[in-house]
Amino acid sequence: MVKARCLIAFFSRRGNNYVNGRIVNLPVGNTEAAALAIRKLTGGDLFRIDPVKEYPADYEETTEVAKQELCRNARPELSAHVVNMDEYGVIFLGYPNWWGTMPMAVCTFLEAYGFSGKAIVPFCTHEGSGMGRSESDVKRLCPKADVRKGLPILGGNVQYAGDDIQAWLKGAGLMD
């Protein structure tokens, strides 16, 4: 278990997704699957980062919307907020790698709170692009937070990532 109370905040896409070179329908998004594995190991609270306006059901259309949001540096409005953020010392932050970084809704989430003195521990699902520049983007958006080394998880292998997640948590000093 993690020593401080932790929140596992994540953005994840169900439905049409690109996995192992093809479009498949996922009942649980890859990032959500990783968040659930982290919750099992840490006992943390889950919070889904959801924009008010949903992305298109079609994967290709979603990637175009995400690209436009990134180019505009958009901050999509979120459907919910964490009301007791001050109670958490560790924030696990999960997202898919879209266009080399996190979805813009995750930026909205990060800018909504003063993470001063909190540990932010990013994890990212991807299909070959790793963390991209997302770690440096988190540090830029949250300069007073302790941003820890992130964990990139290949989306197509997320169901087998339990040992990697546990080793990452131990290596970061977040688990005994």
N, C-alpha and C. Protein backbone atom coordinates (compact mmCIF):
# COMPACT_ATOMS: atom_id res chain seq x y z
N MET A 1 0.82 -1.19 0.00
CA MET A 1 0.00 0.00 0.00
C MET A 1 0.87 1.26 0.00
N VAL A 2 0.37 2.30 -0.62
CA VAL A 2 1.06 3.58 -0.66
C VAL A 2 0.95 4.23 0.72
N LYS A 3 2.03 4.89 1.15
CA LYS A 3 2.08 5.48 2.49
C LYS A 3 1.14 6.68 2.64
N ALA A 4 1.02 7.53 1.65
CA ALA A 4 0.12 8.69 1.69
C ALA A 4 -1.20 8.32 1.01
N ARG A 5 -2.26 9.04 1.34
CA ARG A 5 -3.53 8.81 0.65
C ARG A 5 -3.36 9.19 -0.81
N CYS A 6 -3.81 8.33 -1.70
CA CYS A 6 -3.57 8.60 -3.11
C CYS A 6 -4.85 8.60 -3.93
N LEU A 7 -4.79 9.38 -5.00
CA LEU A 7 -5.86 9.49 -5.98
C LEU A 7 -5.30 8.97 -7.30
N ILE A 8 -6.09 8.17 -7.97
CA ILE A 8 -5.72 7.68 -9.30
C ILE A 8 -6.66 8.38 -10.28
N ALA A 9 -6.18 9.46 -10.86
CA ALA A 9 -6.96 10.25 -11.81
C ALA A 9 -6.55 9.81 -13.21
N PHE A 10 -7.54 9.50 -14.04
CA PHE A 10 -7.19 8.98 -15.36
C PHE A 10 -8.19 9.41 -16.42
N PHE A 11 -7.68 9.51 -17.63
CA PHE A 11 -8.47 9.73 -18.83
C PHE A 11 -8.32 8.45 -19.64
N SER A 12 -9.41 7.88 -20.09
CA SER A 12 -9.34 6.64 -20.85
C SER A 12 -10.44 6.61 -21.89
N ARG A 13 -10.18 5.90 -22.95
CA ARG A 13 -11.16 5.81 -24.05
C ARG A 13 -11.64 4.37 -24.20
N ARG A 14 -12.93 4.19 -24.02
CA ARG A 14 -13.57 2.91 -24.30
C ARG A 14 -13.97 2.89 -25.78
N GLY A 15 -14.37 1.75 -26.25
CA GLY A 15 -14.88 1.66 -27.62
C GLY A 15 -13.75 1.50 -28.62
N ASN A 16 -13.90 2.12 -29.78
CA ASN A 16 -12.93 1.98 -30.86
C ASN A 16 -11.57 2.54 -30.46
N ASN A 17 -10.56 1.67 -30.51
CA ASN A 17 -9.19 2.05 -30.17
C ASN A 17 -8.22 1.34 -31.08
N TYR A 18 -7.05 1.93 -31.22
CA TYR A 18 -5.97 1.34 -32.00
C TYR A 18 -5.14 0.48 -31.06
N VAL A 19 -5.11 -0.83 -31.33
CA VAL A 19 -4.37 -1.77 -30.49
C VAL A 19 -3.65 -2.76 -31.39
N ASN A 20 -2.35 -2.87 -31.22
CA ASN A 20 -1.55 -3.84 -31.98
C ASN A 20 -1.78 -3.75 -33.49
N GLY A 21 -1.87 -2.52 -33.99
CA GLY A 21 -1.95 -2.31 -35.43
C GLY A 21 -3.33 -2.38 -36.03
N ARG A 22 -4.36 -2.50 -35.22
CA ARG A 22 -5.71 -2.54 -35.78
C ARG A 22 -6.69 -1.86 -34.84
N ILE A 23 -7.85 -1.51 -35.37
CA ILE A 23 -8.91 -0.89 -34.58
C ILE A 23 -9.74 -2.00 -33.94
N VAL A 24 -9.88 -1.93 -32.62
CA VAL A 24 -10.68 -2.91 -31.89
C VAL A 24 -11.64 -2.18 -30.97
N ASN A 25 -12.68 -2.88 -30.53
CA ASN A 25 -13.66 -2.30 -29.61
C ASN A 25 -13.32 -2.75 -28.19
N LEU A 26 -12.94 -1.81 -27.34
CA LEU A 26 -12.57 -2.12 -25.96
C LEU A 26 -13.70 -1.75 -25.00
N PRO A 27 -14.22 -2.71 -24.24
CA PRO A 27 -15.24 -2.37 -23.24
C PRO A 27 -14.67 -1.54 -22.09
N VAL A 28 -13.38 -1.73 -21.81
CA VAL A 28 -12.65 -0.94 -20.81
C VAL A 28 -11.41 -0.42 -21.52
N GLY A 29 -11.21 0.88 -21.48
CA GLY A 29 -10.04 1.46 -22.14
C GLY A 29 -8.74 1.00 -21.50
N ASN A 30 -7.67 1.04 -22.26
CA ASN A 30 -6.37 0.58 -21.77
C ASN A 30 -5.90 1.36 -20.54
N THR A 31 -6.08 2.67 -20.54
CA THR A 31 -5.63 3.46 -19.40
C THR A 31 -6.47 3.15 -18.17
N GLU A 32 -7.75 2.94 -18.36
CA GLU A 32 -8.60 2.55 -17.22
C GLU A 32 -8.16 1.20 -16.66
N ALA A 33 -7.80 0.26 -17.53
CA ALA A 33 -7.32 -1.05 -17.06
C ALA A 33 -6.06 -0.88 -16.20
N ALA A 34 -5.16 0.00 -16.64
CA ALA A 34 -3.94 0.26 -15.86
C ALA A 34 -4.30 0.94 -14.53
N ALA A 35 -5.25 1.89 -14.56
CA ALA A 35 -5.68 2.57 -13.33
C ALA A 35 -6.26 1.57 -12.33
N LEU A 36 -7.03 0.63 -12.83
CA LEU A 36 -7.61 -0.39 -11.94
C LEU A 36 -6.53 -1.28 -11.33
N ALA A 37 -5.50 -1.58 -12.10
CA ALA A 37 -4.38 -2.37 -11.56
C ALA A 37 -3.64 -1.58 -10.48
N ILE A 38 -3.45 -0.29 -10.69
CA ILE A 38 -2.79 0.56 -9.69
C ILE A 38 -3.65 0.64 -8.43
N ARG A 39 -4.94 0.75 -8.62
CA ARG A 39 -5.85 0.80 -7.46
C ARG A 39 -5.76 -0.48 -6.64
N LYS A 40 -5.70 -1.61 -7.31
CA LYS A 40 -5.60 -2.90 -6.62
C LYS A 40 -4.34 -2.96 -5.76
N LEU A 41 -3.25 -2.38 -6.26
CA LEU A 41 -1.98 -2.42 -5.54
C LEU A 41 -1.85 -1.34 -4.46
N THR A 42 -2.54 -0.22 -4.65
CA THR A 42 -2.34 0.92 -3.74
C THR A 42 -3.52 1.19 -2.81
N GLY A 43 -4.70 0.73 -3.18
CA GLY A 43 -5.89 1.06 -2.42
C GLY A 43 -6.37 2.48 -2.64
N GLY A 44 -5.83 3.16 -3.65
CA GLY A 44 -6.18 4.55 -3.92
C GLY A 44 -7.61 4.73 -4.42
N ASP A 45 -8.05 5.98 -4.40
CA ASP A 45 -9.37 6.35 -4.92
C ASP A 45 -9.27 6.63 -6.41
N LEU A 46 -10.29 6.25 -7.16
CA LEU A 46 -10.33 6.48 -8.61
C LEU A 46 -11.10 7.75 -8.94
N PHE A 47 -10.61 8.47 -9.96
CA PHE A 47 -11.32 9.62 -10.50
C PHE A 47 -11.14 9.62 -12.00
N ARG A 48 -12.25 9.54 -12.73
CA ARG A 48 -12.19 9.55 -14.20
C ARG A 48 -12.23 10.99 -14.70
N ILE A 49 -11.25 11.35 -15.50
CA ILE A 49 -11.19 12.67 -16.14
C ILE A 49 -12.00 12.57 -17.43
N ASP A 50 -13.18 13.17 -17.42
CA ASP A 50 -14.07 13.11 -18.58
C ASP A 50 -14.43 14.52 -19.04
N PRO A 51 -14.28 14.79 -20.32
CA PRO A 51 -14.75 16.09 -20.82
C PRO A 51 -16.27 16.10 -20.92
N VAL A 52 -16.86 17.28 -20.82
CA VAL A 52 -18.30 17.43 -20.98
C VAL A 52 -18.72 16.96 -22.38
N LYS A 53 -17.98 17.42 -23.37
CA LYS A 53 -18.28 17.04 -24.76
C LYS A 53 -17.52 15.75 -25.08
N GLU A 54 -18.27 14.71 -25.38
CA GLU A 54 -17.66 13.42 -25.69
C GLU A 54 -16.95 13.45 -27.04
N TYR A 55 -15.92 12.63 -27.14
CA TYR A 55 -15.23 12.46 -28.42
C TYR A 55 -16.08 11.59 -29.34
N PRO A 56 -15.87 11.68 -30.65
CA PRO A 56 -16.63 10.84 -31.57
C PRO A 56 -16.40 9.35 -31.28
N ALA A 57 -17.37 8.53 -31.63
CA ALA A 57 -17.25 7.08 -31.44
C ALA A 57 -16.16 6.50 -32.34
N ASP A 58 -16.00 7.05 -33.53
CA ASP A 58 -15.01 6.57 -34.49
C ASP A 58 -13.60 6.96 -34.05
N TYR A 59 -12.70 6.01 -34.03
CA TYR A 59 -11.34 6.27 -33.57
C TYR A 59 -10.62 7.32 -34.41
N GLU A 60 -10.69 7.20 -35.73
CA GLU A 60 -10.01 8.15 -36.61
C GLU A 60 -10.53 9.58 -36.41
N GLU A 61 -11.84 9.71 -36.25
CA GLU A 61 -12.42 11.03 -36.00
C GLU A 61 -11.91 11.59 -34.66
N THR A 62 -11.83 10.74 -33.67
CA THR A 62 -11.32 11.17 -32.36
C THR A 62 -9.90 11.68 -32.47
N THR A 63 -9.06 10.99 -33.24
CA THR A 63 -7.67 11.44 -33.37
C THR A 63 -7.60 12.81 -34.03
N GLU A 64 -8.50 13.08 -34.96
CA GLU A 64 -8.51 14.39 -35.60
C GLU A 64 -8.97 15.48 -34.63
N VAL A 65 -9.99 15.19 -33.83
CA VAL A 65 -10.44 16.15 -32.82
C VAL A 65 -9.31 16.41 -31.83
N ALA A 66 -8.64 15.34 -31.40
CA ALA A 66 -7.54 15.48 -30.44
C ALA A 66 -6.40 16.32 -31.03
N LYS A 67 -6.12 16.13 -32.31
CA LYS A 67 -5.07 16.90 -32.98
C LYS A 67 -5.45 18.39 -33.04
N GLN A 68 -6.70 18.67 -33.36
CA GLN A 68 -7.18 20.06 -33.39
C GLN A 68 -7.10 20.70 -32.01
N GLU A 69 -7.49 19.95 -30.96
CA GLU A 69 -7.41 20.47 -29.60
C GLU A 69 -5.97 20.80 -29.22
N LEU A 70 -5.05 19.93 -29.59
CA LEU A 70 -3.63 20.14 -29.29
C LEU A 70 -3.12 21.39 -30.02
N CYS A 71 -3.46 21.52 -31.29
CA CYS A 71 -3.02 22.69 -32.07
C CYS A 71 -3.57 24.00 -31.51
N ARG A 72 -4.77 23.97 -30.96
CA ARG A 72 -5.39 25.17 -30.39
C ARG A 72 -5.03 25.36 -28.91
N ASN A 73 -4.31 24.39 -28.34
CA ASN A 73 -4.01 24.40 -26.91
C ASN A 73 -5.31 24.51 -26.11
N ALA A 74 -6.31 23.76 -26.54
CA ALA A 74 -7.66 23.80 -25.96
C ALA A 74 -7.65 23.26 -24.52
N ARG A 75 -8.65 23.68 -23.77
CA ARG A 75 -8.87 23.17 -22.43
C ARG A 75 -10.34 22.76 -22.33
N PRO A 76 -10.64 21.52 -22.75
CA PRO A 76 -12.03 21.06 -22.71
C PRO A 76 -12.58 21.10 -21.28
N GLU A 77 -13.83 21.53 -21.16
CA GLU A 77 -14.49 21.56 -19.86
C GLU A 77 -14.69 20.12 -19.37
N LEU A 78 -14.49 19.91 -18.07
CA LEU A 78 -14.63 18.58 -17.49
C LEU A 78 -16.01 18.40 -16.87
N SER A 79 -16.47 17.16 -16.85
CA SER A 79 -17.81 16.85 -16.34
C SER A 79 -17.85 16.78 -14.81
N ALA A 80 -16.72 16.59 -14.16
CA ALA A 80 -16.68 16.49 -12.70
C ALA A 80 -15.34 17.00 -12.19
N HIS A 81 -15.31 17.30 -10.90
CA HIS A 81 -14.09 17.79 -10.26
C HIS A 81 -13.89 17.08 -8.93
N VAL A 82 -12.66 17.00 -8.49
CA VAL A 82 -12.33 16.40 -7.20
C VAL A 82 -12.57 17.48 -6.14
N VAL A 83 -13.50 17.23 -5.23
CA VAL A 83 -13.84 18.25 -4.23
C VAL A 83 -12.90 18.24 -3.03
N ASN A 84 -12.21 17.15 -2.79
CA ASN A 84 -11.35 17.03 -1.62
C ASN A 84 -9.88 16.80 -1.99
N MET A 85 -9.41 17.51 -3.01
CA MET A 85 -8.05 17.30 -3.50
C MET A 85 -7.00 17.49 -2.40
N ASP A 86 -7.26 18.36 -1.44
CA ASP A 86 -6.28 18.62 -0.39
C ASP A 86 -6.02 17.39 0.48
N GLU A 87 -6.86 16.38 0.43
CA GLU A 87 -6.68 15.17 1.23
C GLU A 87 -5.68 14.19 0.63
N TYR A 88 -5.26 14.42 -0.60
CA TYR A 88 -4.38 13.48 -1.30
C TYR A 88 -2.95 13.99 -1.34
N GLY A 89 -2.01 13.11 -1.00
CA GLY A 89 -0.59 13.45 -1.08
C GLY A 89 0.05 12.97 -2.37
N VAL A 90 -0.52 11.92 -2.95
CA VAL A 90 0.01 11.31 -4.17
C VAL A 90 -1.10 11.25 -5.21
N ILE A 91 -0.80 11.76 -6.40
CA ILE A 91 -1.76 11.72 -7.51
C ILE A 91 -1.15 10.86 -8.62
N PHE A 92 -1.73 9.70 -8.85
CA PHE A 92 -1.35 8.91 -10.03
C PHE A 92 -2.16 9.49 -11.18
N LEU A 93 -1.48 9.84 -12.26
CA LEU A 93 -2.12 10.51 -13.38
C LEU A 93 -1.99 9.66 -14.64
N GLY A 94 -3.11 9.13 -15.10
CA GLY A 94 -3.10 8.23 -16.26
C GLY A 94 -3.77 8.80 -17.48
N TYR A 95 -3.22 8.46 -18.64
CA TYR A 95 -3.75 8.97 -19.91
C TYR A 95 -3.14 8.19 -21.06
N PRO A 96 -3.80 8.19 -22.22
CA PRO A 96 -3.17 7.65 -23.42
C PRO A 96 -2.25 8.71 -24.03
N ASN A 97 -1.26 8.27 -24.75
CA ASN A 97 -0.39 9.20 -25.48
C ASN A 97 -1.11 9.54 -26.78
N TRP A 98 -1.57 10.78 -26.89
CA TRP A 98 -2.20 11.28 -28.10
C TRP A 98 -1.32 12.37 -28.67
N TRP A 99 -0.82 12.16 -29.85
CA TRP A 99 -0.01 13.15 -30.56
C TRP A 99 1.21 13.58 -29.74
N GLY A 100 1.83 12.62 -29.05
CA GLY A 100 3.08 12.89 -28.34
C GLY A 100 2.94 13.39 -26.93
N THR A 101 1.72 13.54 -26.44
CA THR A 101 1.51 14.02 -25.07
C THR A 101 0.16 13.52 -24.56
N MET A 102 -0.31 14.11 -23.50
CA MET A 102 -1.59 13.72 -22.90
C MET A 102 -2.74 14.43 -23.61
N PRO A 103 -3.95 13.87 -23.55
CA PRO A 103 -5.12 14.58 -24.07
C PRO A 103 -5.30 15.92 -23.36
N MET A 104 -5.84 16.87 -24.06
CA MET A 104 -5.97 18.23 -23.51
C MET A 104 -6.90 18.29 -22.30
N ALA A 105 -7.82 17.35 -22.16
CA ALA A 105 -8.67 17.31 -20.96
C ALA A 105 -7.82 17.06 -19.72
N VAL A 106 -6.71 16.35 -19.86
CA VAL A 106 -5.81 16.12 -18.72
C VAL A 106 -5.13 17.44 -18.34
N CYS A 107 -4.82 18.26 -19.32
CA CYS A 107 -4.27 19.60 -19.02
C CYS A 107 -5.29 20.42 -18.24
N THR A 108 -6.55 20.35 -18.63
CA THR A 108 -7.61 21.05 -17.89
C THR A 108 -7.61 20.59 -16.44
N PHE A 109 -7.54 19.29 -16.23
CA PHE A 109 -7.52 18.73 -14.88
C PHE A 109 -6.33 19.26 -14.09
N LEU A 110 -5.14 19.22 -14.68
CA LEU A 110 -3.93 19.66 -13.97
C LEU A 110 -4.00 21.14 -13.59
N GLU A 111 -4.54 21.95 -14.47
CA GLU A 111 -4.61 23.39 -14.21
C GLU A 111 -5.70 23.77 -13.20
N ALA A 112 -6.59 22.83 -12.89
CA ALA A 112 -7.70 23.12 -11.98
C ALA A 112 -7.31 23.07 -10.50
N TYR A 113 -6.12 22.53 -10.20
CA TYR A 113 -5.74 22.32 -8.80
C TYR A 113 -4.35 22.88 -8.53
N GLY A 114 -4.12 23.27 -7.31
CA GLY A 114 -2.78 23.69 -6.90
C GLY A 114 -2.03 22.49 -6.36
N PHE A 115 -1.26 21.86 -7.16
CA PHE A 115 -0.57 20.62 -6.78
C PHE A 115 0.70 20.87 -6.00
N SER A 116 0.86 22.04 -5.46
CA SER A 116 2.06 22.38 -4.70
C SER A 116 2.28 21.37 -3.56
N GLY A 117 3.46 20.78 -3.52
CA GLY A 117 3.81 19.85 -2.47
C GLY A 117 3.27 18.44 -2.65
N LYS A 118 2.53 18.20 -3.70
CA LYS A 118 1.99 16.86 -3.96
C LYS A 118 2.90 16.12 -4.94
N ALA A 119 2.90 14.81 -4.83
CA ALA A 119 3.61 13.97 -5.81
C ALA A 119 2.64 13.63 -6.93
N ILE A 120 3.05 13.88 -8.15
CA ILE A 120 2.28 13.46 -9.33
C ILE A 120 3.09 12.35 -10.00
N VAL A 121 2.44 11.21 -10.16
CA VAL A 121 3.11 10.03 -10.70
C VAL A 121 2.38 9.63 -11.98
N PRO A 122 2.91 10.02 -13.15
CA PRO A 122 2.20 9.75 -14.40
C PRO A 122 2.37 8.31 -14.90
N PHE A 123 1.33 7.84 -15.55
CA PHE A 123 1.42 6.57 -16.29
C PHE A 123 0.65 6.76 -17.59
N CYS A 124 1.13 6.12 -18.62
CA CYS A 124 0.64 6.40 -19.96
C CYS A 124 0.50 5.11 -20.75
N THR A 125 -0.60 4.96 -21.46
CA THR A 125 -0.72 3.85 -22.39
C THR A 125 -0.44 4.37 -23.80
N HIS A 126 0.14 3.51 -24.60
CA HIS A 126 0.59 3.93 -25.94
C HIS A 126 0.67 2.70 -26.83
N GLU A 127 0.90 2.94 -28.08
CA GLU A 127 1.09 1.85 -29.04
C GLU A 127 2.45 1.97 -29.73
N GLY A 128 3.44 2.43 -29.00
CA GLY A 128 4.80 2.49 -29.53
C GLY A 128 5.50 3.81 -29.28
N SER A 129 4.80 4.81 -28.77
CA SER A 129 5.41 6.13 -28.61
C SER A 129 5.79 6.47 -27.17
N GLY A 130 5.63 5.53 -26.26
CA GLY A 130 6.05 5.74 -24.88
C GLY A 130 5.36 6.93 -24.24
N MET A 131 6.09 7.61 -23.36
CA MET A 131 5.55 8.76 -22.64
C MET A 131 5.52 10.02 -23.51
N GLY A 132 6.20 9.99 -24.66
CA GLY A 132 6.27 11.19 -25.48
C GLY A 132 6.87 12.33 -24.66
N ARG A 133 6.31 13.51 -24.78
CA ARG A 133 6.80 14.66 -24.00
C ARG A 133 5.89 14.95 -22.81
N SER A 134 5.00 14.02 -22.49
CA SER A 134 4.00 14.27 -21.46
C SER A 134 4.59 14.55 -20.09
N GLU A 135 5.67 13.90 -19.71
CA GLU A 135 6.26 14.17 -18.40
C GLU A 135 6.72 15.63 -18.28
N SER A 136 7.37 16.12 -19.31
CA SER A 136 7.81 17.51 -19.27
C SER A 136 6.61 18.46 -19.32
N ASP A 137 5.53 18.07 -20.01
CA ASP A 137 4.32 18.89 -20.02
C ASP A 137 3.68 18.94 -18.64
N VAL A 138 3.67 17.82 -17.91
CA VAL A 138 3.13 17.81 -16.55
C VAL A 138 3.98 18.73 -15.67
N LYS A 139 5.29 18.64 -15.79
CA LYS A 139 6.18 19.50 -14.99
C LYS A 139 5.96 20.98 -15.30
N ARG A 140 5.73 21.29 -16.56
CA ARG A 140 5.48 22.69 -16.96
C ARG A 140 4.17 23.20 -16.39
N LEU A 141 3.14 22.36 -16.41
CA LEU A 141 1.82 22.76 -15.92
C LEU A 141 1.73 22.76 -14.39
N CYS A 142 2.59 21.99 -13.74
CA CYS A 142 2.55 21.85 -12.27
C CYS A 142 3.95 22.07 -11.69
N PRO A 143 4.50 23.27 -11.82
CA PRO A 143 5.89 23.49 -11.43
C PRO A 143 6.17 23.34 -9.93
N LYS A 144 5.14 23.38 -9.09
CA LYS A 144 5.35 23.25 -7.64
C LYS A 144 5.06 21.85 -7.14
N ALA A 145 4.81 20.92 -8.06
CA ALA A 145 4.56 19.53 -7.69
C ALA A 145 5.85 18.73 -7.82
N ASP A 146 5.89 17.62 -7.16
CA ASP A 146 6.99 16.66 -7.27
C ASP A 146 6.58 15.64 -8.33
N VAL A 147 6.95 15.89 -9.58
CA VAL A 147 6.56 15.01 -10.68
C VAL A 147 7.58 13.86 -10.76
N ARG A 148 7.08 12.66 -10.54
CA ARG A 148 7.93 11.47 -10.52
C ARG A 148 8.06 10.85 -11.91
N LYS A 149 8.97 9.91 -12.03
CA LYS A 149 9.20 9.19 -13.29
C LYS A 149 7.95 8.42 -13.67
N GLY A 150 7.52 8.59 -14.89
CA GLY A 150 6.32 7.94 -15.37
C GLY A 150 6.53 6.51 -15.83
N LEU A 151 5.44 5.83 -16.04
CA LEU A 151 5.46 4.46 -16.55
C LEU A 151 4.71 4.40 -17.87
N PRO A 152 5.42 4.13 -18.98
CA PRO A 152 4.72 3.90 -20.24
C PRO A 152 4.31 2.42 -20.33
N ILE A 153 3.07 2.18 -20.70
CA ILE A 153 2.54 0.82 -20.81
C ILE A 153 2.01 0.63 -22.22
N LEU A 154 2.51 -0.36 -22.90
CA LEU A 154 2.02 -0.67 -24.24
C LEU A 154 0.55 -1.10 -24.12
N GLY A 155 -0.34 -0.35 -24.75
CA GLY A 155 -1.77 -0.57 -24.61
C GLY A 155 -2.20 -2.00 -24.89
N GLY A 156 -1.65 -2.59 -25.93
CA GLY A 156 -2.01 -3.96 -26.29
C GLY A 156 -1.58 -4.99 -25.27
N ASN A 157 -0.69 -4.60 -24.35
CA ASN A 157 -0.19 -5.52 -23.33
C ASN A 157 -0.62 -5.14 -21.92
N VAL A 158 -1.55 -4.21 -21.79
CA VAL A 158 -1.91 -3.69 -20.46
C VAL A 158 -2.37 -4.80 -19.52
N GLN A 159 -3.04 -5.82 -20.03
CA GLN A 159 -3.53 -6.89 -19.16
C GLN A 159 -2.39 -7.71 -18.56
N TYR A 160 -1.18 -7.58 -19.10
CA TYR A 160 -0.03 -8.32 -18.59
C TYR A 160 0.95 -7.42 -17.83
N ALA A 161 0.56 -6.19 -17.55
CA ALA A 161 1.50 -5.20 -17.00
C ALA A 161 1.55 -5.15 -15.48
N GLY A 162 0.85 -6.03 -14.79
CA GLY A 162 0.80 -5.99 -13.33
C GLY A 162 2.16 -6.01 -12.66
N ASP A 163 3.05 -6.89 -13.11
CA ASP A 163 4.40 -6.97 -12.51
C ASP A 163 5.19 -5.69 -12.78
N ASP A 164 5.05 -5.14 -13.98
CA ASP A 164 5.75 -3.89 -14.32
C ASP A 164 5.24 -2.74 -13.46
N ILE A 165 3.93 -2.70 -13.25
CA ILE A 165 3.35 -1.64 -12.43
C ILE A 165 3.84 -1.77 -10.99
N GLN A 166 3.84 -2.98 -10.47
CA GLN A 166 4.31 -3.19 -9.10
C GLN A 166 5.78 -2.81 -8.94
N ALA A 167 6.62 -3.19 -9.89
CA ALA A 167 8.06 -2.85 -9.84
C ALA A 167 8.24 -1.34 -9.93
N TRP A 168 7.45 -0.66 -10.76
CA TRP A 168 7.51 0.80 -10.90
C TRP A 168 7.14 1.47 -9.59
N LEU A 169 6.07 1.00 -8.94
CA LEU A 169 5.66 1.57 -7.66
C LEU A 169 6.75 1.39 -6.60
N LYS A 170 7.34 0.22 -6.56
CA LYS A 170 8.42 -0.04 -5.59
C LYS A 170 9.64 0.81 -5.90
N GLY A 171 9.99 0.90 -7.17
CA GLY A 171 11.15 1.69 -7.58
C GLY A 171 10.99 3.17 -7.28
N ALA A 172 9.75 3.65 -7.29
CA ALA A 172 9.47 5.06 -6.99
C ALA A 172 9.33 5.30 -5.49
N GLY A 173 9.51 4.22 -4.70
CA GLY A 173 9.39 4.35 -3.25
C GLY A 173 7.97 4.54 -2.78
N LEU A 174 7.01 4.12 -3.59
CA LEU A 174 5.61 4.31 -3.26
C LEU A 174 4.94 3.06 -2.69
N MET A 175 5.69 1.97 -2.69
CA MET A 175 5.16 0.70 -2.18
C MET A 175 6.28 -0.06 -1.50
N ASP A 176 5.94 -0.78 -0.47
CA ASP A 176 6.94 -1.64 0.20
C ASP A 176 7.17 -2.91 -0.57
